[in-house]
Amino acid sequence: MASTDFNLDFRIEFRNFVLANSAISGLIDDRFIGAWLSTFYHTDSTKFPLATFHPEYGSMPILNIIQDFFLRTMSYSNLHFDEAYTIDKALMDILGGANGPVSINGNIIVRPISTPEEIFDDKARLYGISRRYKVIYLP
């Protein structure tokens, strides 16, 4: 049974769908985290490569039956941009890519809406690729 916590319900369902794909889990194992990197990153203990996701902004729930928002994924590598791009491409392929919107368990519809954006954190020496998705969630 679903809880009343949108963040928990959506994040678990979305994360499980992504990690069930062998192309993704082969690249990042189980390191697909529904949080900002800064909330869990520790120089000595964080393993790479990894990817994160977080909802950005969207509309208020319509009659508590639909939520419409944007989601950002971040693919990180401590080696080079090529590794981060490989993760980003694998994510995009299973989350719509060239095939149009993808339906997850019948209640989450996702499609990519941006080109990748490169990010480099010179202090942590991390290479990142960011991409936005449009999400319609029917709790």
N, C-alpha and C. Protein backbone atom coordinates (compact mmCIF):
# COMPACT_ATOMS: atom_id res chain seq x y z
N MET A 1 0.85 -1.19 0.00
CA MET A 1 0.00 0.00 0.00
C MET A 1 0.89 1.24 0.00
N ALA A 2 0.50 2.22 -0.77
CA ALA A 2 1.26 3.46 -0.85
C ALA A 2 1.11 4.26 0.43
N SER A 3 2.17 4.99 0.75
CA SER A 3 2.10 5.87 1.91
C SER A 3 1.53 7.21 1.47
N THR A 4 1.50 8.16 2.35
CA THR A 4 1.04 9.51 1.99
C THR A 4 2.22 10.42 1.70
N ASP A 5 3.42 9.87 1.63
CA ASP A 5 4.62 10.64 1.37
C ASP A 5 5.01 10.54 -0.10
N PHE A 6 4.68 11.57 -0.88
CA PHE A 6 4.95 11.58 -2.30
C PHE A 6 6.42 11.32 -2.59
N ASN A 7 7.30 12.01 -1.87
CA ASN A 7 8.73 11.86 -2.13
C ASN A 7 9.17 10.42 -1.94
N LEU A 8 8.73 9.80 -0.88
CA LEU A 8 9.12 8.42 -0.61
C LEU A 8 8.55 7.48 -1.66
N ASP A 9 7.26 7.58 -1.94
CA ASP A 9 6.62 6.69 -2.91
C ASP A 9 7.24 6.85 -4.29
N PHE A 10 7.35 8.06 -4.78
CA PHE A 10 7.89 8.28 -6.11
C PHE A 10 9.35 7.85 -6.19
N ARG A 11 10.15 8.29 -5.24
CA ARG A 11 11.59 8.00 -5.30
C ARG A 11 11.88 6.51 -5.29
N ILE A 12 11.19 5.76 -4.46
CA ILE A 12 11.43 4.32 -4.39
C ILE A 12 11.03 3.64 -5.70
N GLU A 13 9.86 3.96 -6.20
CA GLU A 13 9.38 3.35 -7.44
C GLU A 13 10.27 3.70 -8.63
N PHE A 14 10.65 4.97 -8.72
CA PHE A 14 11.51 5.44 -9.81
C PHE A 14 12.89 4.80 -9.72
N ARG A 15 13.48 4.80 -8.53
CA ARG A 15 14.81 4.22 -8.33
C ARG A 15 14.82 2.72 -8.65
N ASN A 16 13.82 2.00 -8.18
CA ASN A 16 13.75 0.56 -8.45
C ASN A 16 13.66 0.27 -9.94
N PHE A 17 12.87 1.07 -10.67
CA PHE A 17 12.75 0.89 -12.11
C PHE A 17 14.10 1.07 -12.81
N VAL A 18 14.80 2.14 -12.45
CA VAL A 18 16.09 2.42 -13.09
C VAL A 18 17.10 1.33 -12.76
N LEU A 19 17.20 0.94 -11.51
CA LEU A 19 18.21 -0.05 -11.12
C LEU A 19 17.89 -1.47 -11.60
N ALA A 20 16.64 -1.71 -12.00
CA ALA A 20 16.29 -3.02 -12.55
C ALA A 20 16.89 -3.22 -13.95
N ASN A 21 17.34 -2.14 -14.57
CA ASN A 21 17.93 -2.21 -15.90
C ASN A 21 19.40 -2.60 -15.76
N SER A 22 19.79 -3.69 -16.42
CA SER A 22 21.16 -4.19 -16.27
C SER A 22 22.21 -3.24 -16.86
N ALA A 23 21.83 -2.45 -17.86
CA ALA A 23 22.79 -1.48 -18.42
C ALA A 23 23.17 -0.44 -17.37
N ILE A 24 22.21 -0.01 -16.58
CA ILE A 24 22.48 0.97 -15.52
C ILE A 24 23.20 0.32 -14.35
N SER A 25 22.65 -0.78 -13.84
CA SER A 25 23.27 -1.41 -12.67
C SER A 25 24.67 -1.91 -12.98
N GLY A 26 24.93 -2.25 -14.23
CA GLY A 26 26.29 -2.65 -14.62
C GLY A 26 27.28 -1.49 -14.56
N LEU A 27 26.77 -0.28 -14.74
CA LEU A 27 27.64 0.91 -14.70
C LEU A 27 27.83 1.47 -13.29
N ILE A 28 26.72 1.52 -12.53
CA ILE A 28 26.78 2.22 -11.23
C ILE A 28 26.37 1.33 -10.05
N ASP A 29 26.17 0.04 -10.29
CA ASP A 29 25.76 -0.87 -9.24
C ASP A 29 24.44 -0.38 -8.66
N ASP A 30 24.35 -0.14 -7.36
CA ASP A 30 23.11 0.37 -6.76
C ASP A 30 23.23 1.84 -6.38
N ARG A 31 24.20 2.54 -6.96
CA ARG A 31 24.47 3.93 -6.59
C ARG A 31 23.67 4.91 -7.45
N PHE A 32 22.33 4.80 -7.37
CA PHE A 32 21.40 5.75 -8.00
C PHE A 32 20.58 6.31 -6.84
N ILE A 33 20.91 7.52 -6.42
CA ILE A 33 20.45 8.04 -5.14
C ILE A 33 19.51 9.22 -5.34
N GLY A 34 18.38 9.20 -4.67
CA GLY A 34 17.37 10.26 -4.77
C GLY A 34 17.67 11.41 -3.85
N ALA A 35 18.82 12.05 -4.03
CA ALA A 35 19.24 13.17 -3.19
C ALA A 35 20.33 13.95 -3.91
N TRP A 36 20.58 15.15 -3.45
CA TRP A 36 21.70 15.95 -3.95
C TRP A 36 23.01 15.32 -3.48
N LEU A 37 24.01 15.33 -4.32
CA LEU A 37 25.31 14.77 -3.96
C LEU A 37 25.85 15.38 -2.67
N SER A 38 25.66 16.66 -2.50
CA SER A 38 26.21 17.35 -1.33
C SER A 38 25.63 16.85 -0.01
N THR A 39 24.49 16.16 -0.04
CA THR A 39 23.90 15.67 1.20
C THR A 39 24.51 14.36 1.69
N PHE A 40 25.27 13.68 0.84
CA PHE A 40 25.87 12.41 1.28
C PHE A 40 27.33 12.25 0.88
N TYR A 41 27.90 13.17 0.14
CA TYR A 41 29.26 13.03 -0.36
C TYR A 41 30.29 13.17 0.76
N HIS A 42 31.20 12.19 0.83
CA HIS A 42 32.35 12.23 1.72
C HIS A 42 33.55 11.78 0.89
N THR A 43 34.58 12.57 0.89
CA THR A 43 35.74 12.34 0.04
C THR A 43 36.27 10.92 0.15
N ASP A 44 36.34 10.37 1.33
CA ASP A 44 36.96 9.07 1.53
C ASP A 44 36.03 7.88 1.31
N SER A 45 34.72 8.06 1.49
CA SER A 45 33.85 6.89 1.48
C SER A 45 32.85 6.82 0.32
N THR A 46 32.65 7.88 -0.42
CA THR A 46 31.70 7.83 -1.53
C THR A 46 32.34 7.14 -2.72
N LYS A 47 31.66 6.12 -3.24
CA LYS A 47 32.18 5.35 -4.37
C LYS A 47 31.60 5.88 -5.68
N PHE A 48 32.45 5.90 -6.70
CA PHE A 48 32.06 6.37 -8.02
C PHE A 48 32.31 5.27 -9.03
N PRO A 49 31.65 5.30 -10.16
CA PRO A 49 30.67 6.29 -10.61
C PRO A 49 29.33 6.10 -9.89
N LEU A 50 28.51 7.16 -9.97
CA LEU A 50 27.19 7.12 -9.38
C LEU A 50 26.30 8.11 -10.11
N ALA A 51 25.01 8.03 -9.82
CA ALA A 51 24.05 8.98 -10.37
C ALA A 51 23.07 9.37 -9.28
N THR A 52 22.56 10.58 -9.39
CA THR A 52 21.56 11.08 -8.44
C THR A 52 20.35 11.57 -9.22
N PHE A 53 19.25 11.74 -8.52
CA PHE A 53 18.05 12.34 -9.11
C PHE A 53 17.31 13.10 -8.03
N HIS A 54 16.64 14.15 -8.44
CA HIS A 54 15.81 14.91 -7.50
C HIS A 54 14.75 15.70 -8.27
N PRO A 55 13.53 15.73 -7.73
CA PRO A 55 12.50 16.57 -8.33
C PRO A 55 12.89 18.04 -8.20
N GLU A 56 12.57 18.82 -9.21
CA GLU A 56 12.89 20.24 -9.16
C GLU A 56 11.65 21.06 -8.81
N TYR A 57 10.80 21.28 -9.76
CA TYR A 57 9.60 22.07 -9.50
C TYR A 57 8.52 21.60 -10.45
N GLY A 58 7.30 21.97 -10.12
CA GLY A 58 6.18 21.58 -10.97
C GLY A 58 4.90 22.18 -10.48
N SER A 59 3.79 21.62 -10.91
CA SER A 59 2.50 22.16 -10.52
C SER A 59 2.01 21.50 -9.24
N MET A 60 1.08 22.15 -8.60
CA MET A 60 0.45 21.57 -7.42
C MET A 60 -0.34 20.34 -7.84
N PRO A 61 -0.47 19.36 -6.95
CA PRO A 61 -1.27 18.19 -7.30
C PRO A 61 -2.69 18.61 -7.71
N ILE A 62 -3.18 18.04 -8.80
CA ILE A 62 -4.51 18.37 -9.29
C ILE A 62 -5.48 17.35 -8.69
N LEU A 63 -6.32 17.82 -7.79
CA LEU A 63 -7.29 16.97 -7.11
C LEU A 63 -6.66 15.74 -6.46
N ASN A 64 -5.40 15.86 -6.11
CA ASN A 64 -4.65 14.76 -5.50
C ASN A 64 -4.56 13.52 -6.39
N ILE A 65 -4.76 13.68 -7.69
CA ILE A 65 -4.67 12.52 -8.57
C ILE A 65 -3.53 12.61 -9.57
N ILE A 66 -2.97 13.76 -9.78
CA ILE A 66 -1.87 13.86 -10.73
C ILE A 66 -0.87 14.91 -10.25
N GLN A 67 0.38 14.61 -10.43
CA GLN A 67 1.44 15.58 -10.13
C GLN A 67 2.31 15.68 -11.37
N ASP A 68 2.64 16.91 -11.70
CA ASP A 68 3.35 17.22 -12.93
C ASP A 68 4.58 18.03 -12.53
N PHE A 69 5.78 17.51 -12.79
CA PHE A 69 6.98 18.22 -12.33
C PHE A 69 8.19 17.85 -13.18
N PHE A 70 9.29 18.52 -12.92
CA PHE A 70 10.55 18.26 -13.60
C PHE A 70 11.47 17.50 -12.64
N LEU A 71 12.30 16.67 -13.21
CA LEU A 71 13.25 15.89 -12.43
C LEU A 71 14.62 16.06 -13.08
N ARG A 72 15.64 16.17 -12.27
CA ARG A 72 17.00 16.30 -12.78
C ARG A 72 17.80 15.06 -12.37
N THR A 73 18.51 14.49 -13.35
CA THR A 73 19.46 13.44 -13.04
C THR A 73 20.86 14.01 -13.17
N MET A 74 21.75 13.52 -12.36
CA MET A 74 23.16 13.91 -12.40
C MET A 74 23.98 12.62 -12.43
N SER A 75 24.83 12.50 -13.43
CA SER A 75 25.71 11.34 -13.55
C SER A 75 27.12 11.80 -13.22
N TYR A 76 27.78 11.12 -12.28
CA TYR A 76 29.09 11.56 -11.79
C TYR A 76 30.17 10.51 -12.02
N SER A 77 31.35 11.01 -12.31
CA SER A 77 32.54 10.17 -12.41
C SER A 77 33.70 10.90 -11.73
N ASN A 78 34.59 10.14 -11.13
CA ASN A 78 35.81 10.75 -10.59
C ASN A 78 36.98 10.51 -11.54
N LEU A 79 36.69 9.98 -12.75
CA LEU A 79 37.74 9.70 -13.72
C LEU A 79 37.73 10.68 -14.90
N HIS A 80 36.58 10.77 -15.60
CA HIS A 80 36.51 11.61 -16.79
C HIS A 80 35.06 11.79 -17.25
N PHE A 81 34.86 12.76 -18.17
CA PHE A 81 33.53 13.02 -18.69
C PHE A 81 32.96 11.83 -19.46
N ASP A 82 33.80 11.06 -20.14
CA ASP A 82 33.30 9.93 -20.92
C ASP A 82 32.48 8.97 -20.06
N GLU A 83 32.95 8.69 -18.86
CA GLU A 83 32.23 7.78 -17.98
C GLU A 83 30.89 8.40 -17.56
N ALA A 84 30.89 9.68 -17.24
CA ALA A 84 29.65 10.36 -16.86
C ALA A 84 28.66 10.39 -18.04
N TYR A 85 29.16 10.63 -19.24
CA TYR A 85 28.29 10.62 -20.43
C TYR A 85 27.71 9.22 -20.68
N THR A 86 28.48 8.19 -20.45
CA THR A 86 27.99 6.82 -20.64
C THR A 86 26.82 6.53 -19.71
N ILE A 87 26.93 6.96 -18.47
CA ILE A 87 25.84 6.78 -17.49
C ILE A 87 24.63 7.59 -17.92
N ASP A 88 24.85 8.85 -18.29
CA ASP A 88 23.75 9.72 -18.72
C ASP A 88 23.02 9.12 -19.92
N LYS A 89 23.75 8.60 -20.89
CA LYS A 89 23.13 8.02 -22.08
C LYS A 89 22.31 6.79 -21.72
N ALA A 90 22.82 5.96 -20.82
CA ALA A 90 22.08 4.78 -20.39
C ALA A 90 20.79 5.18 -19.67
N LEU A 91 20.87 6.21 -18.83
CA LEU A 91 19.67 6.71 -18.16
C LEU A 91 18.66 7.22 -19.18
N MET A 92 19.14 8.03 -20.12
CA MET A 92 18.23 8.59 -21.11
C MET A 92 17.59 7.49 -21.95
N ASP A 93 18.34 6.47 -22.30
CA ASP A 93 17.79 5.39 -23.12
C ASP A 93 16.63 4.67 -22.43
N ILE A 94 16.73 4.45 -21.12
CA ILE A 94 15.63 3.74 -20.46
C ILE A 94 14.52 4.68 -19.98
N LEU A 95 14.79 6.00 -19.98
CA LEU A 95 13.78 6.96 -19.54
C LEU A 95 13.19 7.75 -20.71
N GLY A 96 13.02 7.09 -21.83
CA GLY A 96 12.39 7.74 -22.97
C GLY A 96 13.30 7.83 -24.16
N GLY A 97 14.36 8.60 -24.04
CA GLY A 97 15.32 8.74 -25.13
C GLY A 97 14.63 9.04 -26.45
N ALA A 98 15.07 8.37 -27.49
CA ALA A 98 14.52 8.58 -28.83
C ALA A 98 13.16 7.90 -29.01
N ASN A 99 12.76 7.09 -28.06
CA ASN A 99 11.51 6.33 -28.19
C ASN A 99 10.29 7.04 -27.62
N GLY A 100 10.44 8.25 -27.14
CA GLY A 100 9.31 8.97 -26.57
C GLY A 100 9.12 8.65 -25.11
N PRO A 101 8.03 9.12 -24.53
CA PRO A 101 7.80 8.92 -23.09
C PRO A 101 7.77 7.44 -22.71
N VAL A 102 8.26 7.16 -21.51
CA VAL A 102 8.23 5.79 -20.98
C VAL A 102 7.28 5.77 -19.78
N SER A 103 6.55 4.67 -19.64
CA SER A 103 5.63 4.50 -18.52
C SER A 103 6.26 3.52 -17.53
N ILE A 104 6.28 3.92 -16.27
CA ILE A 104 6.83 3.09 -15.20
C ILE A 104 5.68 2.61 -14.33
N ASN A 105 5.44 1.32 -14.33
CA ASN A 105 4.38 0.70 -13.51
C ASN A 105 3.01 1.33 -13.72
N GLY A 106 2.79 1.96 -14.86
CA GLY A 106 1.49 2.52 -15.18
C GLY A 106 1.13 3.81 -14.47
N ASN A 107 1.96 4.28 -13.55
CA ASN A 107 1.60 5.51 -12.84
C ASN A 107 2.67 6.61 -12.89
N ILE A 108 3.76 6.37 -13.57
CA ILE A 108 4.79 7.39 -13.74
C ILE A 108 5.12 7.47 -15.23
N ILE A 109 5.01 8.65 -15.80
CA ILE A 109 5.36 8.86 -17.20
C ILE A 109 6.54 9.81 -17.24
N VAL A 110 7.61 9.41 -17.92
CA VAL A 110 8.86 10.19 -17.94
C VAL A 110 9.31 10.39 -19.38
N ARG A 111 9.83 11.58 -19.66
CA ARG A 111 10.47 11.82 -20.96
C ARG A 111 11.56 12.86 -20.80
N PRO A 112 12.70 12.69 -21.49
CA PRO A 112 13.77 13.68 -21.42
C PRO A 112 13.35 14.97 -22.11
N ILE A 113 13.75 16.12 -21.55
CA ILE A 113 13.38 17.40 -22.16
C ILE A 113 14.57 18.33 -22.34
N SER A 114 15.78 17.86 -22.09
CA SER A 114 16.92 18.75 -22.26
C SER A 114 18.11 17.99 -22.84
N THR A 115 19.04 18.76 -23.34
CA THR A 115 20.32 18.18 -23.75
C THR A 115 21.19 18.08 -22.50
N PRO A 116 22.25 17.29 -22.54
CA PRO A 116 23.10 17.17 -21.35
C PRO A 116 23.89 18.44 -21.09
N GLU A 117 24.15 18.68 -19.82
CA GLU A 117 24.94 19.83 -19.39
C GLU A 117 26.14 19.32 -18.61
N GLU A 118 27.33 19.76 -18.99
CA GLU A 118 28.54 19.33 -18.30
C GLU A 118 28.79 20.18 -17.06
N ILE A 119 29.23 19.52 -16.01
CA ILE A 119 29.56 20.19 -14.76
C ILE A 119 30.87 19.60 -14.26
N PHE A 120 31.77 20.45 -13.83
CA PHE A 120 33.02 19.96 -13.24
C PHE A 120 33.22 20.63 -11.89
N ASP A 121 33.38 19.83 -10.86
CA ASP A 121 33.64 20.33 -9.52
C ASP A 121 35.14 20.24 -9.29
N ASP A 122 35.83 21.38 -9.38
CA ASP A 122 37.29 21.34 -9.30
C ASP A 122 37.79 21.04 -7.90
N LYS A 123 37.02 21.34 -6.88
CA LYS A 123 37.45 21.03 -5.51
C LYS A 123 37.41 19.51 -5.27
N ALA A 124 36.31 18.88 -5.63
CA ALA A 124 36.16 17.44 -5.42
C ALA A 124 36.74 16.63 -6.59
N ARG A 125 37.07 17.31 -7.68
CA ARG A 125 37.59 16.67 -8.90
C ARG A 125 36.57 15.67 -9.46
N LEU A 126 35.32 16.11 -9.60
CA LEU A 126 34.25 15.26 -10.11
C LEU A 126 33.74 15.79 -11.44
N TYR A 127 33.51 14.88 -12.37
CA TYR A 127 32.94 15.20 -13.66
C TYR A 127 31.46 14.83 -13.61
N GLY A 128 30.61 15.73 -14.05
CA GLY A 128 29.18 15.47 -13.97
C GLY A 128 28.45 15.83 -15.25
N ILE A 129 27.38 15.08 -15.52
CA ILE A 129 26.47 15.36 -16.62
C ILE A 129 25.07 15.46 -16.04
N SER A 130 24.41 16.56 -16.34
CA SER A 130 23.08 16.83 -15.82
C SER A 130 22.07 16.80 -16.96
N ARG A 131 20.87 16.29 -16.69
CA ARG A 131 19.80 16.28 -17.70
C ARG A 131 18.46 16.41 -16.99
N ARG A 132 17.52 17.09 -17.64
CA ARG A 132 16.18 17.26 -17.09
C ARG A 132 15.17 16.36 -17.78
N TYR A 133 14.17 15.94 -17.00
CA TYR A 133 13.08 15.10 -17.48
C TYR A 133 11.77 15.71 -17.04
N LYS A 134 10.75 15.47 -17.82
CA LYS A 134 9.37 15.84 -17.46
C LYS A 134 8.73 14.59 -16.88
N VAL A 135 8.05 14.75 -15.74
CA VAL A 135 7.43 13.61 -15.06
C VAL A 135 5.96 13.91 -14.79
N ILE A 136 5.12 12.95 -15.09
CA ILE A 136 3.73 12.98 -14.66
C ILE A 136 3.56 11.77 -13.74
N TYR A 137 3.14 12.07 -12.51
CA TYR A 137 3.02 11.02 -11.49
C TYR A 137 1.58 10.90 -11.04
N LEU A 138 1.06 9.70 -11.11
CA LEU A 138 -0.32 9.41 -10.70
C LEU A 138 -0.25 8.52 -9.46
N PRO A 139 -0.28 9.12 -8.28
CA PRO A 139 -0.13 8.31 -7.06
C PRO A 139 -1.26 7.31 -6.85
